[in-house]
């Protein structure tokens, strides 16, 4: 990542590469970034995922990236996960 200061000159990066991973346990989704762990319920994770996709798509257009991916990744059936989680809560 290249950052420019107010004079348009290269500045020191504020962010460094971090290990990023996602896991789930006990009805919570955990986002790991470096040594930080953020746990959230599935509905918040779905909302966060949507927000990331919307903004990434906007920025992709802004930078002129015209690559097209026919398959982004394997997605699990979110509706089935929601129903399963709700069933556990009410059990």
N, C-alpha and C. Protein backbone atom coordinates (compact mmCIF):
# COMPACT_ATOMS: atom_id res chain seq x y z
N UNK A 1 0.85 -1.16 0.00
CA UNK A 1 0.00 0.00 0.00
C UNK A 1 0.90 1.23 0.00
N UNK A 2 0.59 2.18 -0.85
CA UNK A 2 1.35 3.42 -0.93
C UNK A 2 0.47 4.56 -0.45
N UNK A 3 0.98 5.32 0.50
CA UNK A 3 0.25 6.47 1.02
C UNK A 3 0.95 7.75 0.58
N UNK A 4 0.17 8.75 0.22
CA UNK A 4 0.73 10.05 -0.16
C UNK A 4 0.34 11.08 0.88
N UNK A 5 1.28 11.97 1.20
CA UNK A 5 0.96 13.04 2.14
C UNK A 5 0.27 14.18 1.40
N UNK A 6 -0.01 15.26 2.08
CA UNK A 6 -0.77 16.36 1.48
C UNK A 6 -0.03 17.02 0.31
N UNK A 7 1.29 16.85 0.22
CA UNK A 7 2.06 17.39 -0.90
C UNK A 7 2.19 16.39 -2.04
N UNK A 8 1.55 15.26 -1.93
CA UNK A 8 1.60 14.23 -2.98
C UNK A 8 2.85 13.39 -2.95
N UNK A 9 3.60 13.44 -1.87
CA UNK A 9 4.83 12.66 -1.74
C UNK A 9 4.55 11.40 -0.94
N UNK A 10 5.35 10.37 -1.19
CA UNK A 10 5.18 9.10 -0.50
C UNK A 10 5.42 9.27 0.99
N UNK A 11 4.53 8.70 1.78
CA UNK A 11 4.70 8.73 3.23
C UNK A 11 4.81 7.31 3.75
N UNK A 12 5.17 7.18 5.00
CA UNK A 12 5.32 5.87 5.62
C UNK A 12 3.96 5.20 5.75
N UNK A 13 3.85 3.93 5.38
CA UNK A 13 2.56 3.23 5.51
C UNK A 13 2.09 3.20 6.96
N UNK A 14 0.81 3.43 7.16
CA UNK A 14 0.24 3.37 8.50
C UNK A 14 -0.12 1.94 8.88
N UNK A 15 -0.36 1.12 7.88
CA UNK A 15 -0.75 -0.25 8.11
C UNK A 15 0.35 -1.20 7.67
N UNK A 16 0.47 -2.30 8.35
CA UNK A 16 1.40 -3.34 7.94
C UNK A 16 0.60 -4.60 7.65
N UNK A 17 1.19 -5.50 6.88
CA UNK A 17 0.49 -6.75 6.58
C UNK A 17 0.24 -7.51 7.87
N UNK A 18 -0.97 -8.03 7.98
CA UNK A 18 -1.35 -8.81 9.15
C UNK A 18 -1.96 -10.13 8.69
N UNK A 19 -1.82 -11.12 9.50
CA UNK A 19 -2.48 -12.40 9.23
C UNK A 19 -3.97 -12.20 9.50
N UNK A 20 -4.80 -12.60 8.54
CA UNK A 20 -6.25 -12.47 8.68
C UNK A 20 -6.88 -13.85 8.53
N UNK A 21 -7.75 -14.20 9.44
CA UNK A 21 -8.47 -15.47 9.34
C UNK A 21 -9.85 -15.32 9.98
N UNK A 22 -10.71 -16.28 9.67
CA UNK A 22 -12.07 -16.29 10.19
C UNK A 22 -12.37 -17.69 10.71
N UNK A 23 -13.02 -17.76 11.85
CA UNK A 23 -13.43 -19.05 12.39
C UNK A 23 -14.81 -18.88 13.01
N UNK A 24 -15.43 -19.99 13.36
CA UNK A 24 -16.74 -19.94 14.00
C UNK A 24 -16.81 -21.00 15.09
N UNK A 25 -17.54 -20.66 16.13
CA UNK A 25 -17.71 -21.58 17.25
C UNK A 25 -18.84 -21.09 18.13
N UNK A 26 -19.70 -21.99 18.52
CA UNK A 26 -20.76 -21.66 19.46
C UNK A 26 -21.72 -20.59 18.99
N UNK A 27 -21.96 -20.51 17.70
CA UNK A 27 -22.90 -19.52 17.17
C UNK A 27 -22.29 -18.15 16.91
N UNK A 28 -20.99 -18.01 17.16
CA UNK A 28 -20.32 -16.74 16.90
C UNK A 28 -19.30 -16.89 15.78
N UNK A 29 -19.11 -15.83 15.03
CA UNK A 29 -18.10 -15.77 13.99
C UNK A 29 -16.96 -14.94 14.56
N UNK A 30 -15.73 -15.42 14.43
CA UNK A 30 -14.56 -14.70 14.95
C UNK A 30 -13.69 -14.26 13.78
N UNK A 31 -13.41 -12.97 13.72
CA UNK A 31 -12.51 -12.38 12.73
C UNK A 31 -11.19 -12.10 13.43
N UNK A 32 -10.12 -12.72 12.96
CA UNK A 32 -8.79 -12.56 13.55
C UNK A 32 -7.95 -11.69 12.61
N UNK A 33 -7.46 -10.58 13.11
CA UNK A 33 -6.56 -9.71 12.35
C UNK A 33 -5.33 -9.49 13.23
N UNK A 34 -4.22 -10.12 12.85
CA UNK A 34 -3.03 -10.06 13.70
C UNK A 34 -3.34 -10.70 15.04
N UNK A 35 -3.12 -9.95 16.11
CA UNK A 35 -3.38 -10.46 17.46
C UNK A 35 -4.76 -10.08 17.98
N UNK A 36 -5.58 -9.45 17.14
CA UNK A 36 -6.90 -8.99 17.56
C UNK A 36 -7.96 -10.00 17.12
N UNK A 37 -8.89 -10.29 18.00
CA UNK A 37 -9.99 -11.21 17.70
C UNK A 37 -11.30 -10.48 17.94
N UNK A 38 -12.15 -10.41 16.92
CA UNK A 38 -13.45 -9.76 17.03
C UNK A 38 -14.52 -10.82 16.83
N UNK A 39 -15.34 -11.06 17.85
CA UNK A 39 -16.41 -12.04 17.76
C UNK A 39 -17.74 -11.33 17.55
N UNK A 40 -18.58 -11.93 16.69
CA UNK A 40 -19.88 -11.33 16.40
C UNK A 40 -20.88 -12.43 16.07
N UNK A 41 -22.18 -12.17 16.26
CA UNK A 41 -23.20 -13.14 15.86
C UNK A 41 -23.25 -13.23 14.33
N UNK A 42 -23.83 -14.30 13.82
CA UNK A 42 -23.85 -14.54 12.38
C UNK A 42 -24.49 -13.39 11.60
N UNK A 43 -25.54 -12.76 12.15
CA UNK A 43 -26.20 -11.69 11.40
C UNK A 43 -25.30 -10.47 11.25
N UNK A 44 -24.50 -10.18 12.26
CA UNK A 44 -23.54 -9.07 12.15
C UNK A 44 -22.44 -9.43 11.14
N UNK A 45 -22.03 -10.69 11.12
CA UNK A 45 -21.02 -11.13 10.16
C UNK A 45 -21.55 -11.03 8.73
N UNK A 46 -22.81 -11.39 8.53
CA UNK A 46 -23.42 -11.24 7.19
C UNK A 46 -23.48 -9.78 6.79
N UNK A 47 -23.84 -8.90 7.72
CA UNK A 47 -23.90 -7.47 7.43
C UNK A 47 -22.51 -6.92 7.11
N UNK A 48 -21.50 -7.31 7.89
CA UNK A 48 -20.13 -6.87 7.64
C UNK A 48 -19.65 -7.34 6.28
N UNK A 49 -19.94 -8.59 5.95
CA UNK A 49 -19.55 -9.13 4.65
C UNK A 49 -20.18 -8.35 3.50
N UNK A 50 -21.44 -8.00 3.65
CA UNK A 50 -22.14 -7.21 2.63
C UNK A 50 -21.50 -5.84 2.49
N UNK A 51 -21.22 -5.21 3.60
CA UNK A 51 -20.60 -3.87 3.57
C UNK A 51 -19.23 -3.92 2.89
N UNK A 52 -18.44 -4.94 3.20
CA UNK A 52 -17.12 -5.08 2.57
C UNK A 52 -17.25 -5.28 1.07
N UNK A 53 -18.18 -6.15 0.64
CA UNK A 53 -18.36 -6.39 -0.80
C UNK A 53 -18.80 -5.13 -1.53
N UNK A 54 -19.75 -4.39 -0.95
CA UNK A 54 -20.26 -3.17 -1.61
C UNK A 54 -19.13 -2.16 -1.79
N UNK A 55 -18.36 -1.93 -0.73
CA UNK A 55 -17.29 -0.94 -0.81
C UNK A 55 -16.14 -1.42 -1.70
N UNK A 56 -15.83 -2.71 -1.66
CA UNK A 56 -14.78 -3.24 -2.52
C UNK A 56 -15.17 -3.11 -3.99
N UNK A 57 -16.44 -3.37 -4.29
CA UNK A 57 -16.92 -3.25 -5.67
C UNK A 57 -16.82 -1.80 -6.13
N UNK A 58 -17.18 -0.86 -5.27
CA UNK A 58 -17.10 0.56 -5.60
C UNK A 58 -15.65 0.97 -5.88
N UNK A 59 -14.74 0.55 -5.03
CA UNK A 59 -13.33 0.90 -5.21
C UNK A 59 -12.72 0.20 -6.41
N UNK A 60 -13.18 -1.00 -6.71
CA UNK A 60 -12.71 -1.72 -7.90
C UNK A 60 -13.02 -0.91 -9.15
N UNK A 61 -14.23 -0.36 -9.22
CA UNK A 61 -14.60 0.50 -10.36
C UNK A 61 -13.77 1.77 -10.37
N UNK A 62 -13.54 2.35 -9.20
CA UNK A 62 -12.80 3.61 -9.08
C UNK A 62 -11.38 3.48 -9.63
N UNK A 63 -10.72 2.36 -9.33
CA UNK A 63 -9.34 2.17 -9.79
C UNK A 63 -9.27 1.62 -11.21
N UNK A 64 -10.42 1.34 -11.81
CA UNK A 64 -10.45 0.88 -13.19
C UNK A 64 -10.13 -0.59 -13.38
N UNK A 65 -10.31 -1.37 -12.33
CA UNK A 65 -10.08 -2.82 -12.43
C UNK A 65 -11.26 -3.44 -13.15
N UNK A 66 -11.05 -3.91 -14.36
CA UNK A 66 -12.16 -4.47 -15.14
C UNK A 66 -12.13 -5.98 -15.21
N UNK A 67 -11.34 -6.61 -14.35
CA UNK A 67 -11.33 -8.07 -14.33
C UNK A 67 -12.68 -8.59 -13.86
N UNK A 68 -13.09 -9.72 -14.40
CA UNK A 68 -14.37 -10.31 -14.02
C UNK A 68 -14.11 -11.71 -13.48
N UNK A 69 -14.58 -11.96 -12.30
CA UNK A 69 -14.46 -13.29 -11.72
C UNK A 69 -15.80 -13.97 -11.82
N UNK A 70 -15.81 -15.13 -12.46
CA UNK A 70 -17.08 -15.86 -12.57
C UNK A 70 -17.42 -16.57 -11.26
N UNK A 71 -16.40 -16.92 -10.51
CA UNK A 71 -16.63 -17.57 -9.21
C UNK A 71 -15.79 -16.84 -8.18
N UNK A 72 -16.43 -16.21 -7.23
CA UNK A 72 -15.72 -15.50 -6.17
C UNK A 72 -15.25 -16.50 -5.11
N UNK A 73 -16.08 -17.42 -4.77
CA UNK A 73 -15.72 -18.39 -3.75
C UNK A 73 -16.92 -19.26 -3.42
N UNK A 74 -16.68 -20.30 -2.68
CA UNK A 74 -17.76 -21.19 -2.28
C UNK A 74 -18.46 -20.58 -1.07
N UNK A 75 -19.76 -20.33 -1.20
CA UNK A 75 -20.53 -19.75 -0.11
C UNK A 75 -21.48 -20.80 0.45
N UNK A 76 -21.59 -20.81 1.74
CA UNK A 76 -22.53 -21.73 2.36
C UNK A 76 -23.93 -21.13 2.29
N UNK A 77 -24.91 -21.95 2.41
CA UNK A 77 -26.29 -21.49 2.36
C UNK A 77 -26.61 -20.72 3.64
N UNK A 78 -26.61 -19.39 3.53
CA UNK A 78 -26.81 -18.53 4.70
C UNK A 78 -28.16 -18.76 5.36
N UNK A 79 -29.18 -19.01 4.56
CA UNK A 79 -30.51 -19.22 5.13
C UNK A 79 -30.53 -20.46 6.02
N UNK A 80 -29.86 -21.52 5.58
CA UNK A 80 -29.81 -22.76 6.38
C UNK A 80 -29.07 -22.51 7.69
N UNK A 81 -28.02 -21.70 7.64
CA UNK A 81 -27.26 -21.39 8.85
C UNK A 81 -28.13 -20.60 9.82
N UNK A 82 -28.88 -19.65 9.28
CA UNK A 82 -29.77 -18.84 10.13
C UNK A 82 -30.80 -19.74 10.81
N UNK A 83 -31.45 -20.61 10.05
CA UNK A 83 -32.46 -21.49 10.62
C UNK A 83 -31.87 -22.42 11.67
N UNK A 84 -30.67 -22.97 11.39
CA UNK A 84 -30.03 -23.86 12.34
C UNK A 84 -29.70 -23.13 13.64
N UNK A 85 -29.18 -21.92 13.52
CA UNK A 85 -28.83 -21.13 14.69
C UNK A 85 -30.05 -20.76 15.50
N UNK A 86 -31.13 -20.38 14.82
CA UNK A 86 -32.36 -20.04 15.51
C UNK A 86 -32.92 -21.26 16.24
N UNK A 87 -32.83 -22.43 15.60
CA UNK A 87 -33.32 -23.65 16.23
C UNK A 87 -32.54 -23.95 17.50
N UNK A 88 -31.23 -23.70 17.47
CA UNK A 88 -30.41 -23.94 18.68
C UNK A 88 -30.78 -22.98 19.79
N UNK A 89 -31.05 -21.72 19.43
CA UNK A 89 -31.40 -20.72 20.44
C UNK A 89 -32.69 -21.06 21.15
N UNK A 90 -33.66 -21.59 20.41
CA UNK A 90 -34.98 -21.86 20.97
C UNK A 90 -35.09 -23.26 21.57
N UNK A 91 -34.03 -24.06 21.42
CA UNK A 91 -34.07 -25.43 21.94
C UNK A 91 -33.87 -25.45 23.45
